[in-house]
N, C-alpha and C. Protein backbone atom coordinates (compact mmCIF):
# COMPACT_ATOMS: atom_id res chain seq x y z
N MET A 1 -50.02 9.71 -41.06
CA MET A 1 -49.26 9.68 -39.83
C MET A 1 -48.24 8.53 -39.90
N LYS A 2 -46.98 8.85 -39.54
CA LYS A 2 -45.92 7.84 -39.58
C LYS A 2 -46.04 6.92 -38.37
N LYS A 3 -45.72 5.69 -38.61
CA LYS A 3 -45.74 4.68 -37.56
C LYS A 3 -44.41 4.73 -36.80
N ILE A 4 -44.44 4.79 -35.48
CA ILE A 4 -43.24 4.86 -34.64
C ILE A 4 -42.74 3.45 -34.39
N ASN A 5 -41.46 3.25 -34.65
CA ASN A 5 -40.84 1.95 -34.43
C ASN A 5 -40.20 1.95 -33.04
N ILE A 6 -40.84 1.25 -32.12
CA ILE A 6 -40.39 1.19 -30.72
C ILE A 6 -38.98 0.62 -30.62
N THR A 7 -38.65 -0.36 -31.40
CA THR A 7 -37.33 -0.98 -31.35
C THR A 7 -36.25 0.04 -31.67
N LYS A 8 -36.48 0.87 -32.70
CA LYS A 8 -35.50 1.89 -33.06
C LYS A 8 -35.36 2.93 -31.96
N ILE A 9 -36.45 3.32 -31.36
CA ILE A 9 -36.41 4.31 -30.27
C ILE A 9 -35.64 3.75 -29.08
N LEU A 10 -35.89 2.50 -28.72
CA LEU A 10 -35.18 1.87 -27.61
C LEU A 10 -33.69 1.76 -27.92
N PHE A 11 -33.36 1.38 -29.15
CA PHE A 11 -31.97 1.26 -29.55
C PHE A 11 -31.26 2.61 -29.46
N LEU A 12 -31.88 3.64 -30.03
CA LEU A 12 -31.28 4.98 -30.00
C LEU A 12 -31.15 5.51 -28.57
N SER A 13 -32.17 5.28 -27.76
CA SER A 13 -32.12 5.73 -26.36
C SER A 13 -31.00 5.04 -25.61
N THR A 14 -30.85 3.74 -25.83
CA THR A 14 -29.79 2.98 -25.17
C THR A 14 -28.42 3.45 -25.63
N ALA A 15 -28.28 3.68 -26.94
CA ALA A 15 -27.01 4.14 -27.49
C ALA A 15 -26.63 5.50 -26.91
N ILE A 16 -27.58 6.41 -26.83
CA ILE A 16 -27.31 7.73 -26.27
C ILE A 16 -26.93 7.62 -24.80
N PHE A 17 -27.63 6.79 -24.06
CA PHE A 17 -27.34 6.58 -22.64
C PHE A 17 -25.92 6.04 -22.46
N LEU A 18 -25.55 5.02 -23.23
CA LEU A 18 -24.22 4.42 -23.11
C LEU A 18 -23.13 5.41 -23.50
N LEU A 19 -23.38 6.21 -24.52
CA LEU A 19 -22.42 7.22 -24.93
C LEU A 19 -22.22 8.26 -23.82
N ALA A 20 -23.30 8.66 -23.20
CA ALA A 20 -23.22 9.63 -22.10
C ALA A 20 -22.43 9.04 -20.93
N CYS A 21 -22.71 7.78 -20.61
CA CYS A 21 -21.98 7.13 -19.51
C CYS A 21 -20.49 7.01 -19.84
N SER A 22 -20.19 6.66 -21.08
CA SER A 22 -18.80 6.52 -21.52
C SER A 22 -18.07 7.85 -21.40
N ASN A 23 -18.69 8.93 -21.81
CA ASN A 23 -18.06 10.25 -21.69
C ASN A 23 -17.85 10.63 -20.24
N SER A 24 -18.81 10.29 -19.39
CA SER A 24 -18.69 10.60 -17.97
C SER A 24 -17.52 9.84 -17.36
N ILE A 25 -17.38 8.56 -17.70
CA ILE A 25 -16.28 7.74 -17.18
C ILE A 25 -14.96 8.29 -17.70
N ASN A 26 -14.89 8.61 -19.00
CA ASN A 26 -13.64 9.14 -19.56
C ASN A 26 -13.26 10.45 -18.89
N ASN A 27 -14.23 11.32 -18.62
CA ASN A 27 -13.93 12.59 -17.96
C ASN A 27 -13.38 12.36 -16.57
N LYS A 28 -13.95 11.38 -15.83
CA LYS A 28 -13.45 11.09 -14.48
C LYS A 28 -12.05 10.51 -14.55
N ASN A 29 -11.79 9.63 -15.54
CA ASN A 29 -10.45 9.05 -15.68
C ASN A 29 -9.43 10.13 -16.04
N ASP A 30 -9.85 11.12 -16.82
CA ASP A 30 -8.96 12.22 -17.17
C ASP A 30 -8.58 13.03 -15.93
N GLN A 31 -9.46 13.06 -14.93
CA GLN A 31 -9.21 13.83 -13.72
C GLN A 31 -8.26 13.10 -12.77
N ILE A 32 -8.14 11.79 -12.90
CA ILE A 32 -7.24 11.01 -12.06
C ILE A 32 -5.83 11.13 -12.64
N LYS A 33 -4.93 11.67 -11.84
CA LYS A 33 -3.56 11.86 -12.30
C LYS A 33 -2.79 10.56 -12.19
N LYS A 34 -1.97 10.30 -13.19
CA LYS A 34 -1.03 9.19 -13.12
C LYS A 34 0.07 9.59 -12.14
N TYR A 35 0.51 8.66 -11.31
CA TYR A 35 1.56 8.97 -10.35
C TYR A 35 2.89 9.17 -11.08
N SER A 36 3.57 10.19 -10.69
CA SER A 36 4.91 10.47 -11.17
C SER A 36 5.69 11.04 -9.98
N PRO A 37 6.82 10.43 -9.63
CA PRO A 37 7.56 10.90 -8.45
C PRO A 37 7.99 12.36 -8.57
N VAL A 38 7.86 13.07 -7.46
CA VAL A 38 8.35 14.45 -7.39
C VAL A 38 9.87 14.45 -7.52
N SER A 39 10.49 13.46 -6.89
CA SER A 39 11.95 13.31 -6.93
C SER A 39 12.27 11.83 -7.19
N GLN A 40 12.90 11.55 -8.31
CA GLN A 40 13.27 10.16 -8.62
C GLN A 40 14.28 9.64 -7.60
N GLU A 41 15.17 10.53 -7.15
CA GLU A 41 16.17 10.12 -6.16
C GLU A 41 15.50 9.70 -4.85
N LEU A 42 14.53 10.48 -4.39
CA LEU A 42 13.80 10.13 -3.17
C LEU A 42 13.02 8.84 -3.37
N TYR A 43 12.36 8.71 -4.50
CA TYR A 43 11.60 7.49 -4.81
C TYR A 43 12.52 6.27 -4.74
N ASP A 44 13.67 6.36 -5.39
CA ASP A 44 14.62 5.24 -5.40
C ASP A 44 15.12 4.92 -3.99
N THR A 45 15.36 5.95 -3.20
CA THR A 45 15.83 5.76 -1.82
C THR A 45 14.78 5.02 -1.00
N ILE A 46 13.54 5.47 -1.06
CA ILE A 46 12.48 4.85 -0.26
C ILE A 46 12.16 3.45 -0.79
N ALA A 47 12.19 3.25 -2.10
CA ALA A 47 11.99 1.92 -2.66
C ALA A 47 13.08 0.97 -2.14
N TYR A 48 14.30 1.47 -2.07
CA TYR A 48 15.40 0.68 -1.52
C TYR A 48 15.17 0.37 -0.04
N MET A 49 14.78 1.39 0.74
CA MET A 49 14.54 1.18 2.17
C MET A 49 13.39 0.20 2.39
N ASP A 50 12.37 0.25 1.53
CA ASP A 50 11.27 -0.71 1.60
C ASP A 50 11.82 -2.13 1.41
N SER A 51 12.73 -2.29 0.46
CA SER A 51 13.29 -3.62 0.22
C SER A 51 14.16 -4.08 1.39
N VAL A 52 14.89 -3.15 1.99
CA VAL A 52 15.70 -3.49 3.18
C VAL A 52 14.79 -3.93 4.31
N LEU A 53 13.72 -3.17 4.54
CA LEU A 53 12.76 -3.49 5.60
C LEU A 53 12.16 -4.88 5.41
N PHE A 54 11.71 -5.16 4.21
CA PHE A 54 11.01 -6.42 4.03
C PHE A 54 11.93 -7.59 3.71
N ASP A 55 13.18 -7.33 3.33
CA ASP A 55 14.16 -8.42 3.30
C ASP A 55 14.39 -8.89 4.74
N ALA A 56 14.49 -7.93 5.66
CA ALA A 56 14.65 -8.29 7.08
C ALA A 56 13.40 -9.01 7.59
N PHE A 57 12.23 -8.51 7.23
CA PHE A 57 10.98 -9.14 7.66
C PHE A 57 10.88 -10.57 7.11
N ASN A 58 11.12 -10.73 5.82
CA ASN A 58 10.97 -12.05 5.19
C ASN A 58 12.00 -13.05 5.69
N SER A 59 13.18 -12.57 6.10
CA SER A 59 14.20 -13.47 6.64
C SER A 59 14.09 -13.57 8.16
N HIS A 60 13.07 -12.92 8.73
CA HIS A 60 12.80 -12.94 10.17
C HIS A 60 13.98 -12.43 10.98
N ASN A 61 14.62 -11.38 10.47
CA ASN A 61 15.78 -10.78 11.12
C ASN A 61 15.32 -9.64 12.04
N LEU A 62 14.97 -10.00 13.26
CA LEU A 62 14.45 -9.04 14.22
C LEU A 62 15.47 -7.95 14.56
N ASP A 63 16.75 -8.33 14.65
CA ASP A 63 17.78 -7.34 14.98
C ASP A 63 17.81 -6.23 13.93
N LYS A 64 17.72 -6.58 12.67
CA LYS A 64 17.71 -5.58 11.60
C LYS A 64 16.42 -4.76 11.64
N LEU A 65 15.29 -5.42 11.85
CA LEU A 65 14.00 -4.71 11.92
C LEU A 65 14.02 -3.64 13.00
N LYS A 66 14.61 -3.95 14.13
CA LYS A 66 14.66 -3.00 15.24
C LYS A 66 15.33 -1.69 14.84
N THR A 67 16.27 -1.75 13.89
CA THR A 67 17.01 -0.55 13.48
C THR A 67 16.25 0.28 12.45
N LEU A 68 15.14 -0.22 11.96
CA LEU A 68 14.41 0.45 10.87
C LEU A 68 13.16 1.19 11.33
N PHE A 69 12.92 1.20 12.64
CA PHE A 69 11.77 1.91 13.21
C PHE A 69 12.26 2.85 14.30
N THR A 70 11.60 4.00 14.40
CA THR A 70 11.92 4.91 15.50
C THR A 70 11.33 4.35 16.79
N GLU A 71 11.93 4.72 17.91
CA GLU A 71 11.43 4.21 19.19
C GLU A 71 10.09 4.81 19.59
N ASP A 72 9.71 5.92 18.93
CA ASP A 72 8.38 6.50 19.19
C ASP A 72 7.36 6.08 18.12
N LEU A 73 7.62 4.93 17.50
CA LEU A 73 6.76 4.39 16.44
C LEU A 73 5.29 4.38 16.86
N GLU A 74 4.45 4.79 15.93
CA GLU A 74 3.00 4.63 16.07
C GLU A 74 2.54 3.82 14.88
N PHE A 75 1.93 2.67 15.16
CA PHE A 75 1.47 1.75 14.12
C PHE A 75 -0.04 1.66 14.22
N TYR A 76 -0.71 2.22 13.24
CA TYR A 76 -2.18 2.23 13.20
C TYR A 76 -2.65 1.12 12.27
N HIS A 77 -3.41 0.18 12.83
CA HIS A 77 -3.92 -0.97 12.06
C HIS A 77 -5.45 -0.95 12.16
N ASP A 78 -6.12 -1.04 11.00
CA ASP A 78 -7.58 -0.90 11.02
C ASP A 78 -8.28 -1.96 11.85
N LYS A 79 -7.67 -3.11 12.03
CA LYS A 79 -8.29 -4.17 12.86
C LYS A 79 -7.65 -4.26 14.25
N GLY A 80 -6.35 -3.99 14.32
CA GLY A 80 -5.63 -4.18 15.57
C GLY A 80 -5.47 -2.94 16.43
N GLY A 81 -5.80 -1.78 15.89
CA GLY A 81 -5.69 -0.56 16.68
C GLY A 81 -4.29 0.05 16.62
N LEU A 82 -3.99 0.83 17.64
CA LEU A 82 -2.72 1.54 17.72
C LEU A 82 -1.74 0.77 18.60
N THR A 83 -0.52 0.58 18.09
CA THR A 83 0.54 -0.06 18.86
C THR A 83 1.82 0.75 18.70
N GLY A 84 2.74 0.53 19.61
CA GLY A 84 4.02 1.23 19.60
C GLY A 84 5.18 0.32 19.26
N TYR A 85 6.37 0.85 19.43
CA TYR A 85 7.61 0.14 19.07
C TYR A 85 7.74 -1.20 19.79
N GLU A 86 7.70 -1.18 21.11
CA GLU A 86 7.92 -2.42 21.88
C GLU A 86 6.89 -3.50 21.53
N GLU A 87 5.63 -3.11 21.42
CA GLU A 87 4.59 -4.09 21.10
C GLU A 87 4.80 -4.68 19.70
N ASN A 88 5.24 -3.85 18.76
CA ASN A 88 5.49 -4.36 17.41
C ASN A 88 6.68 -5.31 17.38
N MET A 89 7.72 -5.02 18.12
CA MET A 89 8.86 -5.93 18.18
C MET A 89 8.45 -7.26 18.80
N LYS A 90 7.60 -7.19 19.81
CA LYS A 90 7.08 -8.42 20.44
C LYS A 90 6.23 -9.19 19.43
N ASN A 91 5.39 -8.49 18.67
CA ASN A 91 4.55 -9.14 17.66
C ASN A 91 5.39 -9.80 16.57
N PHE A 92 6.46 -9.12 16.13
CA PHE A 92 7.35 -9.72 15.14
C PHE A 92 7.94 -11.01 15.69
N THR A 93 8.44 -10.96 16.93
CA THR A 93 9.05 -12.13 17.56
C THR A 93 8.07 -13.30 17.61
N GLU A 94 6.85 -13.03 18.04
CA GLU A 94 5.83 -14.09 18.14
C GLU A 94 5.45 -14.65 16.77
N ASN A 95 5.29 -13.77 15.79
CA ASN A 95 4.93 -14.24 14.44
C ASN A 95 6.06 -15.05 13.82
N PHE A 96 7.30 -14.63 13.99
CA PHE A 96 8.43 -15.35 13.42
C PHE A 96 8.58 -16.73 14.07
N ALA A 97 8.25 -16.84 15.35
CA ALA A 97 8.38 -18.10 16.08
C ALA A 97 7.40 -19.16 15.56
N LYS A 98 6.36 -18.74 14.90
CA LYS A 98 5.36 -19.69 14.38
C LYS A 98 5.90 -20.53 13.22
N ASN A 99 6.99 -20.07 12.59
CA ASN A 99 7.58 -20.77 11.45
C ASN A 99 6.54 -21.15 10.40
N ASN A 100 5.68 -20.20 10.06
CA ASN A 100 4.63 -20.47 9.07
C ASN A 100 4.93 -19.83 7.72
N LYS A 101 6.22 -19.57 7.48
CA LYS A 101 6.70 -18.99 6.21
C LYS A 101 6.06 -17.64 5.90
N LEU A 102 5.85 -16.86 6.94
CA LEU A 102 5.29 -15.52 6.77
C LEU A 102 6.21 -14.68 5.90
N ASN A 103 5.65 -14.07 4.85
CA ASN A 103 6.44 -13.22 3.99
C ASN A 103 5.58 -12.14 3.36
N ARG A 104 6.25 -11.11 2.86
CA ARG A 104 5.58 -9.94 2.28
C ARG A 104 6.17 -9.63 0.92
N LYS A 105 5.30 -9.25 0.00
CA LYS A 105 5.72 -8.81 -1.33
C LYS A 105 5.00 -7.51 -1.64
N LEU A 106 5.74 -6.55 -2.15
CA LEU A 106 5.16 -5.29 -2.60
C LEU A 106 4.41 -5.56 -3.90
N VAL A 107 3.21 -5.02 -4.03
CA VAL A 107 2.45 -5.16 -5.28
C VAL A 107 3.13 -4.29 -6.33
N PRO A 108 3.59 -4.91 -7.43
CA PRO A 108 4.27 -4.14 -8.47
C PRO A 108 3.41 -2.97 -8.98
N GLY A 109 4.06 -1.82 -9.12
CA GLY A 109 3.37 -0.65 -9.64
C GLY A 109 2.55 0.13 -8.64
N SER A 110 2.50 -0.33 -7.39
CA SER A 110 1.66 0.34 -6.38
C SER A 110 2.41 1.39 -5.56
N LEU A 111 3.72 1.39 -5.62
CA LEU A 111 4.51 2.27 -4.76
C LEU A 111 4.46 3.73 -5.20
N GLU A 112 4.15 4.60 -4.24
CA GLU A 112 4.20 6.04 -4.43
C GLU A 112 5.00 6.63 -3.28
N VAL A 113 5.79 7.65 -3.59
CA VAL A 113 6.63 8.29 -2.57
C VAL A 113 6.47 9.80 -2.70
N TYR A 114 6.26 10.45 -1.55
CA TYR A 114 6.09 11.90 -1.50
C TYR A 114 7.00 12.48 -0.43
N PRO A 115 7.67 13.58 -0.73
CA PRO A 115 8.52 14.21 0.29
C PRO A 115 7.69 14.85 1.40
N ILE A 116 8.24 14.84 2.60
CA ILE A 116 7.66 15.58 3.73
C ILE A 116 8.72 16.59 4.13
N LYS A 117 8.43 17.84 3.90
CA LYS A 117 9.40 18.93 4.12
C LYS A 117 10.01 18.87 5.52
N ASP A 118 11.32 18.95 5.56
CA ASP A 118 12.08 19.00 6.80
C ASP A 118 11.85 17.79 7.71
N TYR A 119 11.41 16.67 7.14
CA TYR A 119 11.19 15.49 7.95
C TYR A 119 11.67 14.22 7.25
N GLY A 120 11.14 13.95 6.06
CA GLY A 120 11.47 12.71 5.39
C GLY A 120 10.59 12.45 4.19
N ALA A 121 9.85 11.36 4.26
CA ALA A 121 9.03 10.96 3.11
C ALA A 121 7.85 10.11 3.54
N MET A 122 6.84 10.11 2.68
CA MET A 122 5.66 9.27 2.87
C MET A 122 5.66 8.22 1.76
N GLU A 123 5.54 6.98 2.14
CA GLU A 123 5.48 5.86 1.20
C GLU A 123 4.07 5.29 1.25
N ILE A 124 3.46 5.15 0.08
CA ILE A 124 2.09 4.62 -0.02
C ILE A 124 2.12 3.46 -1.00
N GLY A 125 1.40 2.40 -0.69
CA GLY A 125 1.36 1.28 -1.63
C GLY A 125 0.45 0.17 -1.17
N SER A 126 0.57 -0.94 -1.84
CA SER A 126 -0.16 -2.16 -1.48
C SER A 126 0.85 -3.29 -1.39
N HIS A 127 0.60 -4.20 -0.48
CA HIS A 127 1.48 -5.35 -0.35
C HIS A 127 0.67 -6.59 -0.01
N THR A 128 1.26 -7.72 -0.36
CA THR A 128 0.63 -9.01 -0.12
C THR A 128 1.43 -9.75 0.93
N PHE A 129 0.74 -10.21 1.95
CA PHE A 129 1.35 -11.06 2.98
C PHE A 129 0.82 -12.47 2.81
N CYS A 130 1.73 -13.44 2.88
CA CYS A 130 1.35 -14.84 2.77
C CYS A 130 1.95 -15.62 3.94
N HIS A 131 1.27 -16.66 4.34
CA HIS A 131 1.78 -17.58 5.35
C HIS A 131 1.08 -18.93 5.13
N ILE A 132 1.61 -19.95 5.75
CA ILE A 132 1.01 -21.27 5.66
C ILE A 132 0.05 -21.45 6.82
N GLU A 133 -1.18 -21.80 6.51
CA GLU A 133 -2.19 -22.05 7.53
C GLU A 133 -2.95 -23.31 7.15
N ASN A 134 -3.00 -24.26 8.08
CA ASN A 134 -3.66 -25.55 7.84
C ASN A 134 -3.13 -26.23 6.59
N GLY A 135 -1.80 -26.13 6.39
CA GLY A 135 -1.15 -26.79 5.27
C GLY A 135 -1.30 -26.10 3.93
N LYS A 136 -1.95 -24.96 3.89
CA LYS A 136 -2.15 -24.25 2.63
C LYS A 136 -1.66 -22.82 2.74
N GLU A 137 -1.22 -22.27 1.59
CA GLU A 137 -0.80 -20.88 1.59
C GLU A 137 -2.01 -19.97 1.67
N ASP A 138 -1.96 -19.04 2.62
CA ASP A 138 -3.03 -18.07 2.82
C ASP A 138 -2.44 -16.69 2.59
N CYS A 139 -3.01 -15.94 1.66
CA CYS A 139 -2.48 -14.62 1.30
C CYS A 139 -3.57 -13.57 1.36
N GLY A 140 -3.15 -12.35 1.64
CA GLY A 140 -4.05 -11.20 1.62
C GLY A 140 -3.29 -9.98 1.14
N THR A 141 -3.97 -9.13 0.38
CA THR A 141 -3.36 -7.90 -0.12
C THR A 141 -4.00 -6.72 0.58
N PHE A 142 -3.15 -5.84 1.10
CA PHE A 142 -3.60 -4.72 1.93
C PHE A 142 -2.89 -3.44 1.53
N LYS A 143 -3.42 -2.32 1.96
CA LYS A 143 -2.84 -1.01 1.68
C LYS A 143 -2.05 -0.52 2.89
N PHE A 144 -1.08 0.34 2.62
CA PHE A 144 -0.26 0.85 3.71
C PHE A 144 0.25 2.25 3.41
N VAL A 145 0.59 2.94 4.49
CA VAL A 145 1.30 4.21 4.44
C VAL A 145 2.43 4.09 5.46
N HIS A 146 3.65 4.37 5.03
CA HIS A 146 4.80 4.44 5.93
C HIS A 146 5.33 5.87 5.92
N VAL A 147 5.51 6.43 7.08
CA VAL A 147 6.13 7.74 7.18
C VAL A 147 7.57 7.50 7.61
N TRP A 148 8.48 7.87 6.70
CA TRP A 148 9.91 7.69 6.94
C TRP A 148 10.51 8.99 7.44
N GLN A 149 11.28 8.89 8.51
CA GLN A 149 11.99 10.04 9.05
C GLN A 149 13.47 9.90 8.70
N LYS A 150 14.05 10.97 8.18
CA LYS A 150 15.50 10.96 7.94
C LYS A 150 16.14 11.81 9.02
N LYS A 151 16.93 11.13 9.85
CA LYS A 151 17.58 11.82 10.98
C LYS A 151 19.02 11.34 11.06
N ASP A 152 19.93 12.29 11.11
CA ASP A 152 21.36 11.98 11.16
C ASP A 152 21.78 11.05 10.03
N GLY A 153 21.18 11.25 8.85
CA GLY A 153 21.52 10.46 7.67
C GLY A 153 20.87 9.10 7.58
N ALA A 154 20.11 8.70 8.59
CA ALA A 154 19.48 7.38 8.61
C ALA A 154 17.96 7.49 8.39
N TRP A 155 17.43 6.58 7.61
CA TRP A 155 15.98 6.51 7.36
C TRP A 155 15.35 5.48 8.28
N LYS A 156 14.31 5.90 9.01
CA LYS A 156 13.56 5.00 9.88
C LYS A 156 12.07 5.31 9.76
N ILE A 157 11.26 4.31 9.96
CA ILE A 157 9.81 4.49 9.92
C ILE A 157 9.33 4.96 11.29
N SER A 158 8.60 6.07 11.29
CA SER A 158 8.06 6.60 12.54
C SER A 158 6.56 6.36 12.67
N ARG A 159 5.87 6.23 11.54
CA ARG A 159 4.43 6.00 11.57
C ARG A 159 4.06 4.99 10.48
N VAL A 160 3.13 4.11 10.82
CA VAL A 160 2.59 3.13 9.87
C VAL A 160 1.08 3.20 9.95
N VAL A 161 0.45 3.19 8.79
CA VAL A 161 -1.00 3.04 8.70
C VAL A 161 -1.22 1.85 7.80
N SER A 162 -1.87 0.82 8.33
CA SER A 162 -2.12 -0.41 7.60
C SER A 162 -3.63 -0.64 7.58
N TYR A 163 -4.19 -0.77 6.36
CA TYR A 163 -5.65 -0.83 6.27
C TYR A 163 -6.11 -1.67 5.08
N GLY A 164 -7.41 -1.92 5.08
CA GLY A 164 -7.99 -2.73 4.02
C GLY A 164 -7.98 -4.21 4.33
N HIS A 165 -7.92 -4.56 5.61
CA HIS A 165 -7.88 -5.96 6.02
C HIS A 165 -9.27 -6.56 6.07
């Protein structure tokens, strides 16, 4: 009768288990599609509008910000709830008055843009907001969805979903 080597059995069992897990992970990664814009022109347009929006935000230009949102704006925030146009303009004013160097940066590589038939586009991504608190820079990275409406040749945000806070 042959003597069974427990160490070899454990090694082989572990190797088979790891190989199975590796194949499972690779199969799941194969199922995840890499983002590729449906329309490069639309992607470039929304990327540009995102920069216009947050150049105004970072420079605390409330007058410009007011022109980039529809008056029927709905802003859904996972912690703050639902707010509209007027409340958001008031919030911008109050935040800018704090002079705490509030600013936003788009996370590189996170931007996705999808057309919305006969309406505009959906922008999805992640961004980092930073401000000075107690003498130190405080930053957080969050996810967002912006629904852009194109009306009379102008792009404006009609819906915002901000989450992951």
